[in-house]
Amino acid sequence: MNTTTEETLERGAATVTPVTPKELSRRLLLMKFGLLLNGLVAVAIATPVVRYLLFPLKKKDGYLSWISLGAVDSFQEGDTKLVTYRNPYTHPWDGETGNVAAYVRRAQGNDFTVFAINCAHLGCPVRWFAQSELFMCPCHGGVYYSNGDRAAGPPERGLFKYPVRVNNGNLEIDAGQIPTLANQQAKLVKGITPCPGTKTPTIG
């Protein structure tokens, strides 16, 4: 090794400042603080994901939630009535968004049908017109008969229906989830149900 190389190494070694125990302890403290901060961020990100993944498991039995819509005597035979119920899986801060509307039709006796208010096309709320005895959607012109069957417009099926039962004089629905194609066995309607007095359905 020549003299120039030795002098360069000596100058480089001379510039290295030894680390004191105090500085080393400070570096370790900052490193631990950084790891703790990263851990908190990871937990904050992972918590909603874990809750989302475990929610179906925790609520598996919750979907069998029967909600009372009122006494049977509060619904007149042959009428269709708009009602609201509280979603059983809301939080106190949900406010009015936790209220769900539905239509109750009582044919006679304990023969009830409860329709979801959402149009089977794109989910807009339908309105009941008692004079014409039709449900009509204001968004795209979907029309349904009083029994929920499709009458006209873009929907390919009738209104969705809730499972119902009469329990201790009260009308109850299985309100654990709003009825959709995902949780009901539904078939697409290929024709329109004929009007009373006709025999042949027409294609919508």
N, C-alpha and C. Protein backbone atom coordinates (compact mmCIF):
# COMPACT_ATOMS: atom_id res chain seq x y z
N MET A 1 0.85 -1.20 0.00
CA MET A 1 0.00 0.00 0.00
C MET A 1 0.89 1.24 0.00
N ASN A 2 0.63 2.16 -0.90
CA ASN A 2 1.49 3.33 -1.03
C ASN A 2 1.14 4.36 0.03
N THR A 3 2.00 5.39 0.08
CA THR A 3 1.85 6.41 1.13
C THR A 3 0.56 7.21 0.95
N THR A 4 0.17 7.49 -0.29
CA THR A 4 -1.04 8.29 -0.54
C THR A 4 -2.29 7.58 -0.03
N THR A 5 -2.38 6.27 -0.27
CA THR A 5 -3.53 5.50 0.19
C THR A 5 -3.60 5.48 1.70
N GLU A 6 -2.47 5.31 2.35
CA GLU A 6 -2.44 5.29 3.81
C GLU A 6 -2.89 6.62 4.39
N GLU A 7 -2.46 7.72 3.78
CA GLU A 7 -2.86 9.03 4.28
C GLU A 7 -4.37 9.24 4.11
N THR A 8 -4.92 8.76 2.99
CA THR A 8 -6.36 8.91 2.76
C THR A 8 -7.16 8.14 3.79
N LEU A 9 -6.76 6.92 4.11
CA LEU A 9 -7.44 6.10 5.11
C LEU A 9 -7.34 6.73 6.49
N GLU A 10 -6.20 7.29 6.80
CA GLU A 10 -6.03 7.93 8.11
C GLU A 10 -6.93 9.15 8.24
N ARG A 11 -7.05 9.95 7.15
CA ARG A 11 -7.91 11.13 7.22
C ARG A 11 -9.39 10.71 7.36
N GLY A 12 -9.79 9.61 6.62
CA GLY A 12 -11.17 9.13 6.72
C GLY A 12 -11.49 8.61 8.10
N ALA A 13 -10.54 7.90 8.68
CA ALA A 13 -10.76 7.38 10.02
C ALA A 13 -10.83 8.50 11.04
N ALA A 14 -10.11 9.57 10.78
CA ALA A 14 -10.10 10.68 11.73
C ALA A 14 -11.42 11.43 11.73
N THR A 15 -12.17 11.39 10.61
CA THR A 15 -13.44 12.12 10.53
C THR A 15 -14.60 11.36 11.16
N VAL A 16 -14.45 10.08 11.45
CA VAL A 16 -15.51 9.29 12.07
C VAL A 16 -15.64 9.66 13.53
N THR A 17 -16.85 10.15 13.89
CA THR A 17 -17.10 10.56 15.27
C THR A 17 -17.74 9.41 16.03
N PRO A 18 -17.19 9.00 17.10
CA PRO A 18 -17.76 7.89 17.87
C PRO A 18 -19.14 8.26 18.42
N VAL A 19 -20.06 7.27 18.43
CA VAL A 19 -21.41 7.48 18.93
C VAL A 19 -21.43 7.27 20.43
N THR A 20 -21.95 8.28 21.12
CA THR A 20 -22.01 8.19 22.58
C THR A 20 -23.22 7.36 22.99
N PRO A 21 -23.20 6.79 24.18
CA PRO A 21 -24.36 6.02 24.66
C PRO A 21 -25.66 6.83 24.66
N LYS A 22 -25.54 8.14 24.93
CA LYS A 22 -26.73 8.99 24.96
C LYS A 22 -27.36 9.11 23.57
N GLU A 23 -26.52 9.31 22.54
CA GLU A 23 -27.03 9.40 21.17
C GLU A 23 -27.61 8.07 20.71
N LEU A 24 -26.97 6.97 21.10
CA LEU A 24 -27.46 5.65 20.73
C LEU A 24 -28.83 5.39 21.35
N SER A 25 -28.98 5.78 22.60
CA SER A 25 -30.27 5.61 23.27
C SER A 25 -31.34 6.46 22.60
N ARG A 26 -31.00 7.66 22.16
CA ARG A 26 -31.95 8.52 21.48
C ARG A 26 -32.39 7.92 20.15
N ARG A 27 -31.44 7.32 19.41
CA ARG A 27 -31.78 6.70 18.12
C ARG A 27 -32.70 5.50 18.32
N LEU A 28 -32.41 4.71 19.35
CA LEU A 28 -33.27 3.56 19.63
C LEU A 28 -34.68 4.02 20.01
N LEU A 29 -34.76 5.12 20.78
CA LEU A 29 -36.06 5.64 21.18
C LEU A 29 -36.86 6.11 19.96
N LEU A 30 -36.20 6.81 19.04
CA LEU A 30 -36.88 7.27 17.83
C LEU A 30 -37.31 6.10 16.96
N MET A 31 -36.49 5.06 16.91
CA MET A 31 -36.83 3.89 16.11
C MET A 31 -38.06 3.19 16.70
N LYS A 32 -38.10 3.04 18.03
CA LYS A 32 -39.25 2.41 18.67
C LYS A 32 -40.52 3.24 18.47
N PHE A 33 -40.35 4.56 18.55
CA PHE A 33 -41.50 5.44 18.35
C PHE A 33 -42.04 5.31 16.92
N GLY A 34 -41.12 5.20 15.95
CA GLY A 34 -41.53 5.03 14.55
C GLY A 34 -42.27 3.71 14.34
N LEU A 35 -41.77 2.64 14.96
CA LEU A 35 -42.44 1.35 14.84
C LEU A 35 -43.82 1.38 15.49
N LEU A 36 -43.92 2.05 16.65
CA LEU A 36 -45.21 2.17 17.31
C LEU A 36 -46.20 2.95 16.46
N LEU A 37 -45.74 4.03 15.85
CA LEU A 37 -46.61 4.84 15.00
C LEU A 37 -47.08 4.04 13.78
N ASN A 38 -46.17 3.30 13.16
CA ASN A 38 -46.55 2.46 12.02
C ASN A 38 -47.56 1.38 12.43
N GLY A 39 -47.39 0.84 13.64
CA GLY A 39 -48.32 -0.17 14.11
C GLY A 39 -49.72 0.41 14.31
N LEU A 40 -49.80 1.62 14.86
CA LEU A 40 -51.09 2.26 15.06
C LEU A 40 -51.78 2.54 13.73
N VAL A 41 -51.02 2.98 12.75
CA VAL A 41 -51.59 3.24 11.43
C VAL A 41 -52.11 1.94 10.81
N ALA A 42 -51.34 0.86 10.95
CA ALA A 42 -51.76 -0.42 10.40
C ALA A 42 -53.04 -0.92 11.06
N VAL A 43 -53.15 -0.75 12.38
CA VAL A 43 -54.37 -1.16 13.08
C VAL A 43 -55.56 -0.33 12.62
N ALA A 44 -55.35 0.99 12.46
CA ALA A 44 -56.44 1.86 12.02
C ALA A 44 -56.94 1.47 10.63
N ILE A 45 -56.03 1.04 9.76
CA ILE A 45 -56.42 0.64 8.41
C ILE A 45 -57.08 -0.73 8.41
N ALA A 46 -56.58 -1.64 9.25
CA ALA A 46 -57.07 -3.01 9.23
C ALA A 46 -58.40 -3.19 9.94
N THR A 47 -58.71 -2.33 10.92
CA THR A 47 -59.93 -2.51 11.72
C THR A 47 -61.20 -2.53 10.88
N PRO A 48 -61.44 -1.53 10.01
CA PRO A 48 -62.68 -1.60 9.20
C PRO A 48 -62.71 -2.78 8.25
N VAL A 49 -61.55 -3.19 7.76
CA VAL A 49 -61.51 -4.33 6.85
C VAL A 49 -61.90 -5.61 7.59
N VAL A 50 -61.35 -5.78 8.80
CA VAL A 50 -61.67 -6.97 9.59
C VAL A 50 -63.15 -6.98 9.98
N ARG A 51 -63.68 -5.80 10.35
CA ARG A 51 -65.09 -5.72 10.70
C ARG A 51 -65.97 -6.07 9.52
N TYR A 52 -65.57 -5.62 8.34
CA TYR A 52 -66.35 -5.92 7.13
C TYR A 52 -66.36 -7.41 6.85
N LEU A 53 -65.19 -8.05 7.03
CA LEU A 53 -65.09 -9.48 6.73
C LEU A 53 -65.82 -10.32 7.75
N LEU A 54 -65.81 -9.90 9.02
CA LEU A 54 -66.43 -10.69 10.07
C LEU A 54 -67.90 -10.36 10.27
N PHE A 55 -68.39 -9.27 9.67
CA PHE A 55 -69.79 -8.86 9.88
C PHE A 55 -70.78 -9.95 9.51
N PRO A 56 -70.64 -10.62 8.35
CA PRO A 56 -71.61 -11.67 8.02
C PRO A 56 -71.64 -12.80 9.03
N LEU A 57 -70.46 -13.10 9.65
CA LEU A 57 -70.42 -14.18 10.62
C LEU A 57 -71.12 -13.77 11.91
N LYS A 58 -70.92 -12.53 12.32
CA LYS A 58 -71.52 -12.05 13.55
C LYS A 58 -73.02 -11.88 13.41
N LYS A 59 -73.47 -11.52 12.20
CA LYS A 59 -74.88 -11.25 11.99
C LYS A 59 -75.61 -12.40 11.31
N LYS A 60 -75.00 -13.58 11.30
CA LYS A 60 -75.59 -14.68 10.58
C LYS A 60 -77.00 -14.98 11.06
N ASP A 61 -77.18 -15.00 12.40
CA ASP A 61 -78.50 -15.27 12.95
C ASP A 61 -79.36 -14.02 13.01
N GLY A 62 -78.75 -12.87 12.84
CA GLY A 62 -79.49 -11.63 12.94
C GLY A 62 -80.45 -11.40 11.81
N TYR A 63 -80.20 -12.03 10.66
CA TYR A 63 -81.09 -11.84 9.53
C TYR A 63 -82.47 -12.44 9.79
N LEU A 64 -82.59 -13.31 10.79
CA LEU A 64 -83.89 -13.86 11.15
C LEU A 64 -84.52 -12.95 12.19
N SER A 65 -84.76 -11.71 11.82
CA SER A 65 -85.27 -10.72 12.74
C SER A 65 -86.68 -10.32 12.32
N TRP A 66 -87.66 -10.70 13.12
CA TRP A 66 -89.05 -10.40 12.83
C TRP A 66 -89.44 -9.10 13.49
N ILE A 67 -89.98 -8.18 12.70
CA ILE A 67 -90.36 -6.85 13.17
C ILE A 67 -91.87 -6.69 13.04
N SER A 68 -92.48 -6.15 14.07
CA SER A 68 -93.93 -5.92 14.05
C SER A 68 -94.24 -4.64 13.29
N LEU A 69 -95.23 -4.72 12.41
CA LEU A 69 -95.70 -3.55 11.67
C LEU A 69 -96.98 -2.99 12.28
N GLY A 70 -97.46 -3.61 13.32
CA GLY A 70 -98.67 -3.14 13.97
C GLY A 70 -99.69 -4.25 14.14
N ALA A 71 -100.76 -3.92 14.81
CA ALA A 71 -101.83 -4.90 15.05
C ALA A 71 -102.54 -5.23 13.74
N VAL A 72 -102.99 -6.45 13.64
CA VAL A 72 -103.70 -6.89 12.44
C VAL A 72 -104.93 -6.02 12.18
N ASP A 73 -105.60 -5.62 13.25
CA ASP A 73 -106.83 -4.83 13.11
C ASP A 73 -106.57 -3.42 12.57
N SER A 74 -105.32 -2.99 12.55
CA SER A 74 -105.02 -1.65 12.05
C SER A 74 -104.96 -1.60 10.52
N PHE A 75 -105.10 -2.75 9.88
CA PHE A 75 -105.09 -2.83 8.43
C PHE A 75 -106.46 -3.30 7.95
N GLN A 76 -107.09 -2.51 7.11
CA GLN A 76 -108.42 -2.84 6.61
C GLN A 76 -108.33 -3.79 5.42
N GLU A 77 -109.30 -4.67 5.32
CA GLU A 77 -109.32 -5.62 4.22
C GLU A 77 -109.52 -4.89 2.89
N GLY A 78 -108.74 -5.31 1.90
CA GLY A 78 -108.82 -4.72 0.57
C GLY A 78 -108.03 -3.44 0.40
N ASP A 79 -107.35 -2.96 1.47
CA ASP A 79 -106.58 -1.71 1.39
C ASP A 79 -105.09 -1.99 1.31
N THR A 80 -104.39 -1.01 0.76
CA THR A 80 -102.92 -1.03 0.72
C THR A 80 -102.43 0.18 1.51
N LYS A 81 -101.58 -0.05 2.46
CA LYS A 81 -101.17 1.00 3.40
C LYS A 81 -99.65 1.13 3.44
N LEU A 82 -99.18 2.37 3.42
CA LEU A 82 -97.74 2.64 3.55
C LEU A 82 -97.36 2.64 5.02
N VAL A 83 -96.33 1.86 5.37
CA VAL A 83 -95.85 1.78 6.75
C VAL A 83 -94.34 1.98 6.76
N THR A 84 -93.81 2.23 7.93
CA THR A 84 -92.35 2.32 8.11
C THR A 84 -91.97 1.48 9.32
N TYR A 85 -90.79 0.93 9.28
CA TYR A 85 -90.25 0.19 10.41
C TYR A 85 -88.78 0.55 10.58
N ARG A 86 -88.26 0.29 11.75
CA ARG A 86 -86.87 0.60 12.05
C ARG A 86 -85.97 -0.56 11.70
N ASN A 87 -84.99 -0.31 10.86
CA ASN A 87 -84.03 -1.36 10.50
C ASN A 87 -83.37 -1.87 11.78
N PRO A 88 -83.41 -3.19 12.02
CA PRO A 88 -82.86 -3.72 13.28
C PRO A 88 -81.35 -3.61 13.39
N TYR A 89 -80.67 -3.23 12.31
CA TYR A 89 -79.20 -3.17 12.34
C TYR A 89 -78.70 -1.75 12.10
N THR A 90 -79.34 -0.79 12.73
CA THR A 90 -78.91 0.59 12.64
C THR A 90 -78.18 1.00 13.91
N HIS A 91 -77.51 2.13 13.83
CA HIS A 91 -76.84 2.72 14.98
C HIS A 91 -77.62 3.96 15.40
N PRO A 92 -77.45 4.41 16.64
CA PRO A 92 -78.19 5.61 17.09
C PRO A 92 -77.95 6.82 16.21
N TRP A 93 -76.77 6.91 15.62
CA TRP A 93 -76.45 8.09 14.81
C TRP A 93 -76.99 7.99 13.38
N ASP A 94 -77.65 6.90 13.03
CA ASP A 94 -78.20 6.76 11.68
C ASP A 94 -79.41 7.67 11.44
N GLY A 95 -80.10 8.03 12.52
CA GLY A 95 -81.22 8.94 12.38
C GLY A 95 -82.33 8.39 11.50
N GLU A 96 -82.88 9.28 10.65
CA GLU A 96 -84.00 8.90 9.79
C GLU A 96 -83.61 7.87 8.73
N THR A 97 -82.32 7.77 8.43
CA THR A 97 -81.89 6.81 7.40
C THR A 97 -82.12 5.37 7.85
N GLY A 98 -82.33 5.16 9.15
CA GLY A 98 -82.59 3.82 9.65
C GLY A 98 -84.03 3.39 9.51
N ASN A 99 -84.90 4.29 9.07
CA ASN A 99 -86.31 3.95 8.87
C ASN A 99 -86.52 3.43 7.45
N VAL A 100 -87.24 2.34 7.32
CA VAL A 100 -87.48 1.70 6.03
C VAL A 100 -88.99 1.68 5.76
N ALA A 101 -89.36 2.07 4.56
CA ALA A 101 -90.78 2.09 4.18
C ALA A 101 -91.16 0.80 3.46
N ALA A 102 -92.43 0.44 3.56
CA ALA A 102 -92.96 -0.74 2.87
C ALA A 102 -94.47 -0.55 2.70
N TYR A 103 -95.04 -1.34 1.80
CA TYR A 103 -96.48 -1.30 1.57
C TYR A 103 -97.10 -2.60 2.07
N VAL A 104 -98.17 -2.47 2.86
CA VAL A 104 -98.90 -3.63 3.38
C VAL A 104 -100.25 -3.71 2.69
N ARG A 105 -100.55 -4.85 2.10
CA ARG A 105 -101.86 -5.09 1.48
C ARG A 105 -102.52 -6.26 2.20
N ARG A 106 -103.74 -6.00 2.65
CA ARG A 106 -104.52 -7.06 3.32
C ARG A 106 -105.67 -7.45 2.42
N ALA A 107 -105.62 -8.67 1.93
CA ALA A 107 -106.70 -9.16 1.06
C ALA A 107 -107.94 -9.42 1.89
N GLN A 108 -107.81 -10.37 2.80
CA GLN A 108 -108.90 -10.67 3.73
C GLN A 108 -108.35 -11.53 4.85
N GLY A 109 -108.95 -11.43 6.02
CA GLY A 109 -108.49 -12.22 7.15
C GLY A 109 -107.02 -11.98 7.45
N ASN A 110 -106.28 -13.07 7.53
CA ASN A 110 -104.84 -12.98 7.78
C ASN A 110 -104.01 -13.12 6.50
N ASP A 111 -104.64 -12.85 5.37
CA ASP A 111 -103.95 -12.91 4.08
C ASP A 111 -103.29 -11.55 3.80
N PHE A 112 -102.02 -11.44 4.17
CA PHE A 112 -101.28 -10.19 4.01
C PHE A 112 -100.15 -10.36 2.99
N THR A 113 -99.86 -9.28 2.30
CA THR A 113 -98.67 -9.20 1.43
C THR A 113 -97.96 -7.89 1.75
N VAL A 114 -96.68 -7.96 1.99
CA VAL A 114 -95.89 -6.76 2.29
C VAL A 114 -94.86 -6.59 1.19
N PHE A 115 -94.96 -5.46 0.48
CA PHE A 115 -94.07 -5.17 -0.64
C PHE A 115 -92.94 -4.24 -0.21
N ALA A 116 -91.76 -4.49 -0.75
CA ALA A 116 -90.68 -3.51 -0.62
C ALA A 116 -91.05 -2.29 -1.45
N ILE A 117 -90.71 -1.12 -0.96
CA ILE A 117 -91.11 0.11 -1.64
C ILE A 117 -90.28 0.36 -2.90
N ASN A 118 -89.19 -0.36 -3.06
CA ASN A 118 -88.27 -0.11 -4.17
C ASN A 118 -88.74 -0.75 -5.46
N CYS A 119 -88.66 0.00 -6.54
CA CYS A 119 -88.98 -0.52 -7.87
C CYS A 119 -87.99 -1.61 -8.23
N ALA A 120 -88.47 -2.65 -8.89
CA ALA A 120 -87.61 -3.77 -9.26
C ALA A 120 -86.69 -3.42 -10.42
N HIS A 121 -86.80 -2.22 -10.97
CA HIS A 121 -85.94 -1.81 -12.08
C HIS A 121 -84.60 -1.30 -11.55
N LEU A 122 -84.63 -0.09 -10.96
CA LEU A 122 -83.40 0.51 -10.43
C LEU A 122 -83.55 0.95 -8.98
N GLY A 123 -84.62 0.54 -8.32
CA GLY A 123 -84.73 0.78 -6.89
C GLY A 123 -85.38 2.07 -6.46
N CYS A 124 -85.95 2.84 -7.37
CA CYS A 124 -86.64 4.07 -6.98
C CYS A 124 -87.88 3.72 -6.15
N PRO A 125 -88.27 4.57 -5.20
CA PRO A 125 -89.48 4.27 -4.41
C PRO A 125 -90.74 4.43 -5.25
N VAL A 126 -91.59 3.43 -5.21
CA VAL A 126 -92.85 3.48 -5.97
C VAL A 126 -93.93 4.12 -5.13
N ARG A 127 -94.97 4.60 -5.77
CA ARG A 127 -96.11 5.21 -5.11
C ARG A 127 -97.38 4.40 -5.40
N TRP A 128 -98.26 4.36 -4.40
CA TRP A 128 -99.51 3.63 -4.54
C TRP A 128 -100.64 4.60 -4.88
N PHE A 129 -101.37 4.29 -5.95
CA PHE A 129 -102.51 5.10 -6.36
C PHE A 129 -103.77 4.26 -6.15
N ALA A 130 -104.53 4.63 -5.11
CA ALA A 130 -105.67 3.82 -4.72
C ALA A 130 -106.78 3.83 -5.77
N GLN A 131 -106.98 4.96 -6.45
CA GLN A 131 -108.08 5.04 -7.42
C GLN A 131 -107.87 4.09 -8.59
N SER A 132 -106.66 4.00 -9.07
CA SER A 132 -106.36 3.09 -10.19
C SER A 132 -105.87 1.73 -9.71
N GLU A 133 -105.61 1.62 -8.40
CA GLU A 133 -105.09 0.40 -7.80
C GLU A 133 -103.82 -0.07 -8.50
N LEU A 134 -102.89 0.86 -8.63
CA LEU A 134 -101.61 0.57 -9.27
C LEU A 134 -100.47 1.18 -8.46
N PHE A 135 -99.34 0.47 -8.47
CA PHE A 135 -98.09 1.05 -7.98
C PHE A 135 -97.38 1.65 -9.20
N MET A 136 -96.88 2.87 -9.06
CA MET A 136 -96.19 3.52 -10.17
C MET A 136 -94.85 4.07 -9.71
N CYS A 137 -93.85 3.90 -10.56
CA CYS A 137 -92.52 4.41 -10.27
C CYS A 137 -92.33 5.74 -11.00
N PRO A 138 -91.98 6.80 -10.29
CA PRO A 138 -91.83 8.11 -10.94
C PRO A 138 -90.54 8.27 -11.73
N CYS A 139 -89.63 7.34 -11.58
CA CYS A 139 -88.31 7.51 -12.23
C CYS A 139 -88.34 7.11 -13.71
N HIS A 140 -88.80 5.88 -14.00
CA HIS A 140 -88.74 5.39 -15.37
C HIS A 140 -90.06 4.78 -15.84
N GLY A 141 -91.14 5.06 -15.12
CA GLY A 141 -92.45 4.64 -15.59
C GLY A 141 -92.83 3.21 -15.33
N GLY A 142 -92.21 2.55 -14.38
CA GLY A 142 -92.61 1.19 -14.04
C GLY A 142 -93.98 1.18 -13.39
N VAL A 143 -94.81 0.22 -13.76
CA VAL A 143 -96.18 0.12 -13.23
C VAL A 143 -96.40 -1.31 -12.73
N TYR A 144 -97.08 -1.43 -11.59
CA TYR A 144 -97.35 -2.75 -11.00
C TYR A 144 -98.82 -2.81 -10.58
N TYR A 145 -99.39 -4.01 -10.67
CA TYR A 145 -100.75 -4.22 -10.20
C TYR A 145 -100.78 -4.23 -8.68
N SER A 146 -101.99 -4.28 -8.13
CA SER A 146 -102.16 -4.22 -6.68
C SER A 146 -101.54 -5.42 -5.97
N ASN A 147 -101.40 -6.53 -6.67
CA ASN A 147 -100.77 -7.72 -6.08
C ASN A 147 -99.25 -7.73 -6.26
N GLY A 148 -98.70 -6.65 -6.82
CA GLY A 148 -97.27 -6.53 -6.98
C GLY A 148 -96.72 -7.01 -8.30
N ASP A 149 -97.56 -7.65 -9.12
CA ASP A 149 -97.10 -8.13 -10.43
C ASP A 149 -96.80 -6.95 -11.35
N ARG A 150 -95.85 -7.16 -12.24
CA ARG A 150 -95.49 -6.12 -13.20
C ARG A 150 -96.64 -5.89 -14.19
N ALA A 151 -96.91 -4.61 -14.47
CA ALA A 151 -97.95 -4.27 -15.43
C ALA A 151 -97.37 -3.65 -16.69
N ALA A 152 -96.37 -2.78 -16.55
CA ALA A 152 -95.79 -2.11 -17.72
C ALA A 152 -94.48 -1.46 -17.32
N GLY A 153 -93.75 -1.02 -18.35
CA GLY A 153 -92.51 -0.30 -18.09
C GLY A 153 -91.28 -1.20 -18.11
N PRO A 154 -90.13 -0.64 -17.76
CA PRO A 154 -88.87 -1.36 -17.87
C PRO A 154 -88.64 -2.50 -16.88
N PRO A 155 -89.29 -2.53 -15.71
CA PRO A 155 -89.01 -3.65 -14.79
C PRO A 155 -89.32 -5.00 -15.44
N GLU A 156 -88.50 -5.98 -15.16
CA GLU A 156 -88.68 -7.32 -15.74
C GLU A 156 -89.37 -8.28 -14.78
N ARG A 157 -89.75 -7.80 -13.64
CA ARG A 157 -90.42 -8.64 -12.64
C ARG A 157 -91.28 -7.75 -11.75
N GLY A 158 -92.01 -8.39 -10.85
CA GLY A 158 -92.87 -7.65 -9.93
C GLY A 158 -92.11 -7.10 -8.75
N LEU A 159 -92.85 -6.47 -7.85
CA LEU A 159 -92.25 -5.93 -6.64
C LEU A 159 -91.74 -7.05 -5.74
N PHE A 160 -90.69 -6.77 -5.02
CA PHE A 160 -90.17 -7.74 -4.07
C PHE A 160 -91.08 -7.79 -2.84
N LYS A 161 -91.16 -8.97 -2.23
CA LYS A 161 -92.07 -9.17 -1.11
C LYS A 161 -91.31 -9.68 0.12
N TYR A 162 -91.75 -9.23 1.28
CA TYR A 162 -91.17 -9.70 2.54
C TYR A 162 -91.86 -10.98 3.00
N PRO A 163 -91.14 -11.86 3.67
CA PRO A 163 -91.81 -12.96 4.38
C PRO A 163 -92.66 -12.37 5.51
N VAL A 164 -93.88 -12.84 5.65
CA VAL A 164 -94.79 -12.29 6.65
C VAL A 164 -95.34 -13.40 7.53
N ARG A 165 -95.82 -12.99 8.70
CA ARG A 165 -96.51 -13.91 9.60
C ARG A 165 -97.37 -13.09 10.56
N VAL A 166 -98.39 -13.72 11.09
CA VAL A 166 -99.23 -13.10 12.12
C VAL A 166 -98.89 -13.77 13.44
N ASN A 167 -98.48 -12.97 14.41
CA ASN A 167 -98.03 -13.49 15.69
C ASN A 167 -98.69 -12.70 16.82
N ASN A 168 -99.52 -13.40 17.60
CA ASN A 168 -100.21 -12.77 18.74
C ASN A 168 -100.99 -11.52 18.32
N GLY A 169 -101.65 -11.60 17.18
CA GLY A 169 -102.47 -10.49 16.74
C GLY A 169 -101.71 -9.37 16.06
N ASN A 170 -100.41 -9.54 15.84
CA ASN A 170 -99.59 -8.53 15.19
C ASN A 170 -99.08 -9.05 13.85
N LEU A 171 -98.97 -8.14 12.89
CA LEU A 171 -98.39 -8.48 11.60
C LEU A 171 -96.89 -8.26 11.68
N GLU A 172 -96.13 -9.29 11.34
CA GLU A 172 -94.67 -9.22 11.43
C GLU A 172 -94.05 -9.56 10.08
N ILE A 173 -92.90 -8.96 9.82
CA ILE A 173 -92.13 -9.26 8.62
C ILE A 173 -90.70 -9.63 9.01
N ASP A 174 -90.08 -10.45 8.19
CA ASP A 174 -88.66 -10.77 8.38
C ASP A 174 -87.86 -9.61 7.80
N ALA A 175 -87.47 -8.68 8.67
CA ALA A 175 -86.85 -7.43 8.23
C ALA A 175 -85.34 -7.44 8.35
N GLY A 176 -84.73 -8.62 8.45
CA GLY A 176 -83.29 -8.66 8.57
C GLY A 176 -82.57 -8.13 7.35
N GLN A 177 -83.20 -8.22 6.19
CA GLN A 177 -82.61 -7.70 4.97
C GLN A 177 -83.72 -7.37 3.99
N ILE A 178 -83.50 -6.27 3.24
CA ILE A 178 -84.50 -5.87 2.27
C ILE A 178 -84.54 -6.91 1.16
N PRO A 179 -85.72 -7.39 0.77
CA PRO A 179 -85.80 -8.44 -0.25
C PRO A 179 -85.28 -7.97 -1.60
N THR A 180 -84.39 -8.75 -2.18
CA THR A 180 -83.83 -8.49 -3.51
C THR A 180 -83.66 -9.81 -4.22
N LEU A 181 -83.17 -9.75 -5.46
CA LEU A 181 -82.90 -10.99 -6.20
C LEU A 181 -81.83 -11.83 -5.52
N ALA A 182 -80.97 -11.18 -4.71
CA ALA A 182 -79.89 -11.91 -4.06
C ALA A 182 -80.39 -12.84 -2.97
N ASN A 183 -81.54 -12.56 -2.38
CA ASN A 183 -82.02 -13.40 -1.28
C ASN A 183 -83.44 -13.93 -1.50
N GLN A 184 -83.94 -13.79 -2.72
CA GLN A 184 -85.23 -14.39 -3.04
C GLN A 184 -85.11 -15.18 -4.32
N GLN A 185 -85.88 -16.24 -4.42
CA GLN A 185 -85.94 -16.99 -5.66
C GLN A 185 -86.94 -16.29 -6.57
N ALA A 186 -86.41 -15.58 -7.56
CA ALA A 186 -87.28 -14.77 -8.42
C ALA A 186 -87.06 -15.16 -9.88
N LYS A 187 -88.11 -15.13 -10.63
CA LYS A 187 -88.04 -15.42 -12.06
C LYS A 187 -88.41 -14.16 -12.84
N LEU A 188 -87.70 -13.92 -13.94
CA LEU A 188 -88.00 -12.78 -14.77
C LEU A 188 -89.35 -12.96 -15.45
N VAL A 189 -90.10 -11.89 -15.47
CA VAL A 189 -91.42 -11.92 -16.09
C VAL A 189 -91.27 -11.72 -17.59
N LYS A 190 -91.76 -12.63 -18.36
CA LYS A 190 -91.69 -12.53 -19.82
C LYS A 190 -92.91 -11.84 -20.40
N GLY A 191 -94.02 -11.80 -19.68
CA GLY A 191 -95.21 -11.14 -20.17
C GLY A 191 -95.89 -10.39 -19.06
N ILE A 192 -96.86 -9.59 -19.38
CA ILE A 192 -97.60 -8.82 -18.40
C ILE A 192 -98.81 -9.62 -17.97
N THR A 193 -99.09 -9.62 -16.67
CA THR A 193 -100.27 -10.31 -16.18
C THR A 193 -101.51 -9.67 -16.79
N PRO A 194 -102.42 -10.46 -17.33
CA PRO A 194 -103.59 -9.87 -17.99
C PRO A 194 -104.47 -9.11 -17.03
N CYS A 195 -105.12 -8.07 -17.54
CA CYS A 195 -106.07 -7.31 -16.74
C CYS A 195 -107.29 -8.16 -16.45
N PRO A 196 -108.03 -7.83 -15.40
CA PRO A 196 -109.26 -8.60 -15.12
C PRO A 196 -110.20 -8.61 -16.31
N GLY A 197 -110.72 -9.80 -16.63
CA GLY A 197 -111.64 -9.93 -17.75
C GLY A 197 -110.97 -10.37 -19.04
N THR A 198 -109.61 -10.43 -19.04
CA THR A 198 -108.88 -10.89 -20.21
C THR A 198 -108.19 -12.20 -19.90
N LYS A 199 -107.79 -12.90 -20.96
CA LYS A 199 -107.15 -14.20 -20.80
C LYS A 199 -105.72 -14.24 -21.30
N THR A 200 -105.39 -13.41 -22.27
CA THR A 200 -104.08 -13.47 -22.89
C THR A 200 -103.19 -12.33 -22.40
N PRO A 201 -102.04 -12.63 -21.78
CA PRO A 201 -101.15 -11.54 -21.38
C PRO A 201 -100.47 -10.92 -22.58
N THR A 202 -100.15 -9.66 -22.45
CA THR A 202 -99.45 -8.95 -23.52
C THR A 202 -97.98 -8.79 -23.16
N ILE A 203 -97.16 -8.63 -24.17
CA ILE A 203 -95.73 -8.46 -23.92
C ILE A 203 -95.45 -7.00 -23.67
N GLY A 204 -94.68 -6.71 -22.57
CA GLY A 204 -94.38 -5.34 -22.22
C GLY A 204 -93.19 -4.81 -22.98
